[in-house]
C-alpha atoms as a PDB file:
ATOM      1  CA  MET A   1      36.239  -2.503 -38.120  1.00  0.00           C
ATOM      2  CA  ASN A   2      34.059  -1.634 -41.104  1.00  0.00           C
ATOM      3  CA  THR A   3      33.107  -4.748 -43.086  1.00  0.00           C
ATOM      4  CA  SER A   4      30.575  -3.023 -45.361  1.00  0.00           C
ATOM      5  CA  ILE A   5      31.233  -3.201 -49.083  1.00  0.00           C
ATOM      6  CA  HIS A   6      29.604   0.236 -49.450  1.00  0.00           C
ATOM      7  CA  SER A   7      30.657   3.551 -47.958  1.00  0.00           C
ATOM      8  CA  GLY A   8      28.255   5.450 -45.714  1.00  0.00           C
ATOM      9  CA  GLU A   9      27.464   7.841 -48.556  1.00  0.00           C
ATOM     10  CA  GLU A  10      26.747   4.951 -50.930  1.00  0.00           C
ATOM     11  CA  LEU A  11      24.414   3.312 -48.407  1.00  0.00           C
ATOM     12  CA  GLN A  12      22.545   6.583 -47.906  1.00  0.00           C
ATOM     13  CA  SER A  13      22.087   6.906 -51.658  1.00  0.00           C
ATOM     14  CA  ILE A  14      20.911   3.292 -51.982  1.00  0.00           C
ATOM     15  CA  TYR A  15      18.352   3.656 -49.176  1.00  0.00           C
ATOM     16  CA  LYS A  16      17.137   7.026 -50.432  1.00  0.00           C
ATOM     17  CA  THR A  17      16.563   5.650 -53.923  1.00  0.00           C
ATOM     18  CA  ARG A  18      15.058   2.418 -52.645  1.00  0.00           C
ATOM     19  CA  PHE A  19      12.690   3.750 -49.981  1.00  0.00           C
ATOM     20  CA  ASP A  20      11.913   7.452 -50.470  1.00  0.00           C
ATOM     21  CA  GLY A  21       8.348   8.224 -51.478  1.00  0.00           C
ATOM     22  CA  ARG A  22       6.998   4.821 -50.489  1.00  0.00           C
ATOM     23  CA  PHE A  23       5.926   5.453 -46.914  1.00  0.00           C
ATOM     24  CA  GLU A  24       2.222   4.709 -47.414  1.00  0.00           C
ATOM     25  CA  TYR A  25       2.991   1.579 -49.430  1.00  0.00           C
ATOM     26  CA  ARG A  26       5.402   0.241 -46.768  1.00  0.00           C
ATOM     27  CA  LYS A  27       2.902   1.038 -44.023  1.00  0.00           C
ATOM     28  CA  LYS A  28       0.165  -0.937 -45.822  1.00  0.00           C
ATOM     29  CA  VAL A  29       2.490  -3.908 -46.445  1.00  0.00           C
ATOM     30  CA  TRP A  30       3.489  -4.070 -42.769  1.00  0.00           C
ATOM     31  CA  SER A  31      -0.129  -3.707 -41.691  1.00  0.00           C
ATOM     32  CA  VAL A  32      -1.037  -6.826 -43.679  1.00  0.00           C
ATOM     33  CA  LEU A  33       2.018  -8.761 -42.472  1.00  0.00           C
ATOM     34  CA  ILE A  34       1.236  -7.958 -38.849  1.00  0.00           C
ATOM     35  CA  ARG A  35      -2.481  -8.698 -39.151  1.00  0.00           C
ATOM     36  CA  ASP A  36      -2.099 -11.930 -41.115  1.00  0.00           C
ATOM     37  CA  TYR A  37       1.081 -13.383 -39.627  1.00  0.00           C
ATOM     38  CA  PHE A  38       2.967 -11.695 -36.772  1.00  0.00           C
ATOM     39  CA  ARG A  39      -0.130 -11.066 -34.633  1.00  0.00           C
ATOM     40  CA  GLN A  40      -0.260 -14.764 -33.713  1.00  0.00           C
ATOM     41  CA  PHE A  41       3.124 -14.476 -31.960  1.00  0.00           C
ATOM     42  CA  VAL A  42       2.618 -11.210 -30.043  1.00  0.00           C
ATOM     43  CA  ASN A  43      -0.073 -10.317 -27.520  1.00  0.00           C
ATOM     44  CA  LYS A  44      -0.775  -6.909 -26.030  1.00  0.00           C
ATOM     45  CA  HIS A  45       1.178  -7.637 -22.815  1.00  0.00           C
ATOM     46  CA  ASP A  46       4.384  -8.758 -24.593  1.00  0.00           C
ATOM     47  CA  THR A  47       7.625  -6.872 -25.071  1.00  0.00           C
ATOM     48  CA  VAL A  48       8.970  -6.641 -28.634  1.00  0.00           C
ATOM     49  CA  LEU A  49      12.505  -5.893 -29.818  1.00  0.00           C
ATOM     50  CA  ASP A  50      12.801  -4.867 -33.473  1.00  0.00           C
ATOM     51  CA  LEU A  51      16.420  -5.356 -34.569  1.00  0.00           C
ATOM     52  CA  GLY A  52      17.310  -3.488 -37.742  1.00  0.00           C
ATOM     53  CA  ALA A  53      14.135  -1.430 -37.421  1.00  0.00           C
ATOM     54  CA  GLY A  54      14.742   0.645 -40.550  1.00  0.00           C
ATOM     55  CA  TYR A  55      11.824   3.067 -40.834  1.00  0.00           C
ATOM     56  CA  CYS A  56      10.086   1.415 -37.836  1.00  0.00           C
ATOM     57  CA  GLU A  57       6.992   0.306 -39.760  1.00  0.00           C
ATOM     58  CA  PHE A  58       6.777  -2.955 -37.808  1.00  0.00           C
ATOM     59  CA  ILE A  59       7.423  -1.636 -34.311  1.00  0.00           C
ATOM     60  CA  ASN A  60       5.086   1.331 -34.786  1.00  0.00           C
ATOM     61  CA  GLN A  61       2.177  -0.899 -35.801  1.00  0.00           C
ATOM     62  CA  ILE A  62       2.524  -3.969 -33.586  1.00  0.00           C
ATOM     63  CA  ASP A  63       0.215  -3.865 -30.549  1.00  0.00           C
ATOM     64  CA  CYS A  64       2.213  -4.754 -27.423  1.00  0.00           C
ATOM     65  CA  SER A  65       3.080  -3.468 -23.963  1.00  0.00           C
ATOM     66  CA  LYS A  66       6.732  -2.479 -24.458  1.00  0.00           C
ATOM     67  CA  LYS A  67       8.521  -1.678 -27.712  1.00  0.00           C
ATOM     68  CA  TYR A  68      12.236  -1.435 -28.394  1.00  0.00           C
ATOM     69  CA  ALA A  69      13.759  -0.632 -31.781  1.00  0.00           C
ATOM     70  CA  ILE A  70      17.407  -0.677 -32.763  1.00  0.00           C
ATOM     71  CA  LEU A  71      18.532   0.694 -36.088  1.00  0.00           C
ATOM     72  CA  TYR A  72      21.767   1.660 -37.731  1.00  0.00           C
ATOM     73  CA  ASN A  73      22.060   4.646 -40.004  1.00  0.00           C
ATOM     74  CA  ALA A  74      25.199   4.914 -42.117  1.00  0.00           C
ATOM     75  CA  ALA A  75      25.151   8.688 -41.642  1.00  0.00           C
ATOM     76  CA  ILE A  76      26.083   8.229 -37.985  1.00  0.00           C
ATOM     77  CA  SER A  77      28.686   5.988 -36.415  1.00  0.00           C
ATOM     78  CA  PHE A  78      26.557   4.303 -33.753  1.00  0.00           C
ATOM     79  CA  PRO A  79      23.209   2.467 -33.543  1.00  0.00           C
ATOM     80  CA  LEU A  80      20.103   4.314 -32.381  1.00  0.00           C
ATOM     81  CA  ILE A  81      17.944   2.712 -29.721  1.00  0.00           C
ATOM     82  CA  PHE A  82      14.304   3.706 -29.187  1.00  0.00           C
ATOM     83  CA  TRP A  83      11.748   2.436 -26.723  1.00  0.00           C
ATOM     84  CA  ARG A  84       8.144   3.072 -25.847  1.00  0.00           C
ATOM     85  CA  THR A  85       5.919   1.629 -23.164  1.00  0.00           C
ATOM     86  CA  ASN A  86       2.148   1.393 -23.513  1.00  0.00           C
ATOM     87  CA  THR A  87      -0.074   1.172 -20.472  1.00  0.00           C
ATOM     88  CA  TYR A  88      -3.048  -1.127 -20.821  1.00  0.00           C
ATOM     89  CA  GLN A  89      -6.028  -0.989 -18.506  1.00  0.00           C
ATOM     90  CA  GLU A  90      -8.342  -3.943 -18.281  1.00  0.00           C
END
Protein backbone atom coordinates (compact mmCIF):
# COMPACT_ATOMS: atom_id res chain seq x y z
CA MET A 1 0.00 0.00 0.00
CA ASN A 2 1.54 3.29 -1.12
CA THR A 3 0.58 6.14 1.22
CA SER A 4 2.96 8.71 -0.29
CA ILE A 5 1.39 11.88 -1.66
CA HIS A 6 4.16 12.01 -4.29
CA SER A 7 4.99 9.51 -7.01
CA GLY A 8 8.44 7.92 -7.12
CA GLU A 9 9.43 10.23 -9.97
CA GLU A 10 8.27 13.30 -8.04
CA LEU A 11 10.24 12.25 -4.96
CA GLN A 12 13.37 11.72 -7.06
CA SER A 13 12.98 15.20 -8.52
CA ILE A 14 12.42 16.75 -5.09
CA TYR A 15 15.50 15.07 -3.59
CA LYS A 16 17.66 15.86 -6.61
CA THR A 17 16.73 19.54 -6.45
CA ARG A 18 17.01 19.68 -2.68
CA PHE A 19 20.29 17.83 -2.15
CA ASP A 20 22.40 17.70 -5.32
CA GLY A 21 25.59 19.73 -5.22
CA ARG A 22 25.59 20.11 -1.44
CA PHE A 23 27.67 17.13 -0.39
CA GLU A 24 30.48 19.10 1.27
CA TYR A 25 28.00 21.36 3.06
CA ARG A 26 25.99 18.39 4.41
CA LYS A 27 29.18 16.64 5.48
CA LYS A 28 30.31 19.72 7.46
CA VAL A 29 26.88 20.12 9.10
CA TRP A 30 26.84 16.47 10.22
CA SER A 31 30.43 16.73 11.45
CA VAL A 32 29.43 19.58 13.77
CA LEU A 33 26.24 17.82 14.92
CA ILE A 34 28.15 14.65 15.75
CA ARG A 35 31.02 16.45 17.48
CA ASP A 36 28.86 18.83 19.51
CA TYR A 37 25.83 16.66 20.29
CA PHE A 38 25.59 13.01 19.21
CA ARG A 39 29.09 12.06 20.41
CA GLN A 40 27.88 12.13 24.03
CA PHE A 41 25.48 9.25 23.31
CA VAL A 42 27.75 6.95 21.28
CA ASN A 43 31.10 5.45 22.25
CA LYS A 44 33.50 3.57 20.01
CA HIS A 45 32.28 0.13 21.16
CA ASP A 46 28.57 0.83 20.49
CA THR A 47 26.41 -0.36 17.62
CA VAL A 48 24.45 2.32 15.73
CA LEU A 49 21.38 1.93 13.52
CA ASP A 50 20.65 4.88 11.23
CA LEU A 51 17.01 4.66 10.11
CA GLY A 52 16.24 6.77 7.06
CA ALA A 53 19.95 7.16 6.39
CA GLY A 54 19.52 9.29 3.26
CA TYR A 55 23.01 10.05 1.97
CA CYS A 56 24.58 8.36 5.04
CA GLU A 57 26.35 11.47 6.32
CA PHE A 58 25.66 10.54 9.95
CA ILE A 59 26.50 6.85 9.82
CA ASN A 60 29.67 7.44 7.79
CA GLN A 61 31.03 9.93 10.32
CA ILE A 62 29.99 8.51 13.69
CA ASP A 63 32.80 6.59 15.42
CA CYS A 64 31.45 3.25 16.66
CA SER A 65 32.08 -0.49 16.48
CA LYS A 66 29.18 -1.60 14.26
CA LYS A 67 27.15 0.50 11.84
CA TYR A 68 23.83 -0.29 10.19
CA ALA A 69 22.00 2.03 7.80
CA ILE A 70 18.55 1.60 6.32
CA LEU A 71 17.32 3.87 3.58
CA TYR A 72 14.49 3.95 1.12
CA ASN A 73 14.92 5.21 -2.41
CA ALA A 74 11.77 5.91 -4.39
CA ALA A 75 13.51 4.63 -7.53
CA ILE A 76 13.40 1.10 -6.13
CA SER A 77 10.57 -0.75 -4.44
CA PHE A 78 12.38 -1.99 -1.33
CA PRO A 79 14.60 -0.54 1.43
CA LEU A 80 18.37 -0.88 1.21
CA ILE A 81 20.25 -2.13 4.25
CA PHE A 82 23.98 -1.51 4.73
CA TRP A 83 26.29 -2.51 7.54
CA ARG A 84 29.92 -2.14 8.44
CA THR A 85 31.92 -3.42 11.37
CA ASN A 86 35.04 -1.68 12.66
CA THR A 87 37.64 -3.56 14.65
CA TYR A 88 39.19 -1.63 17.50
CA GLN A 89 42.42 -2.67 19.15
CA GLU A 90 43.27 -1.35 22.56
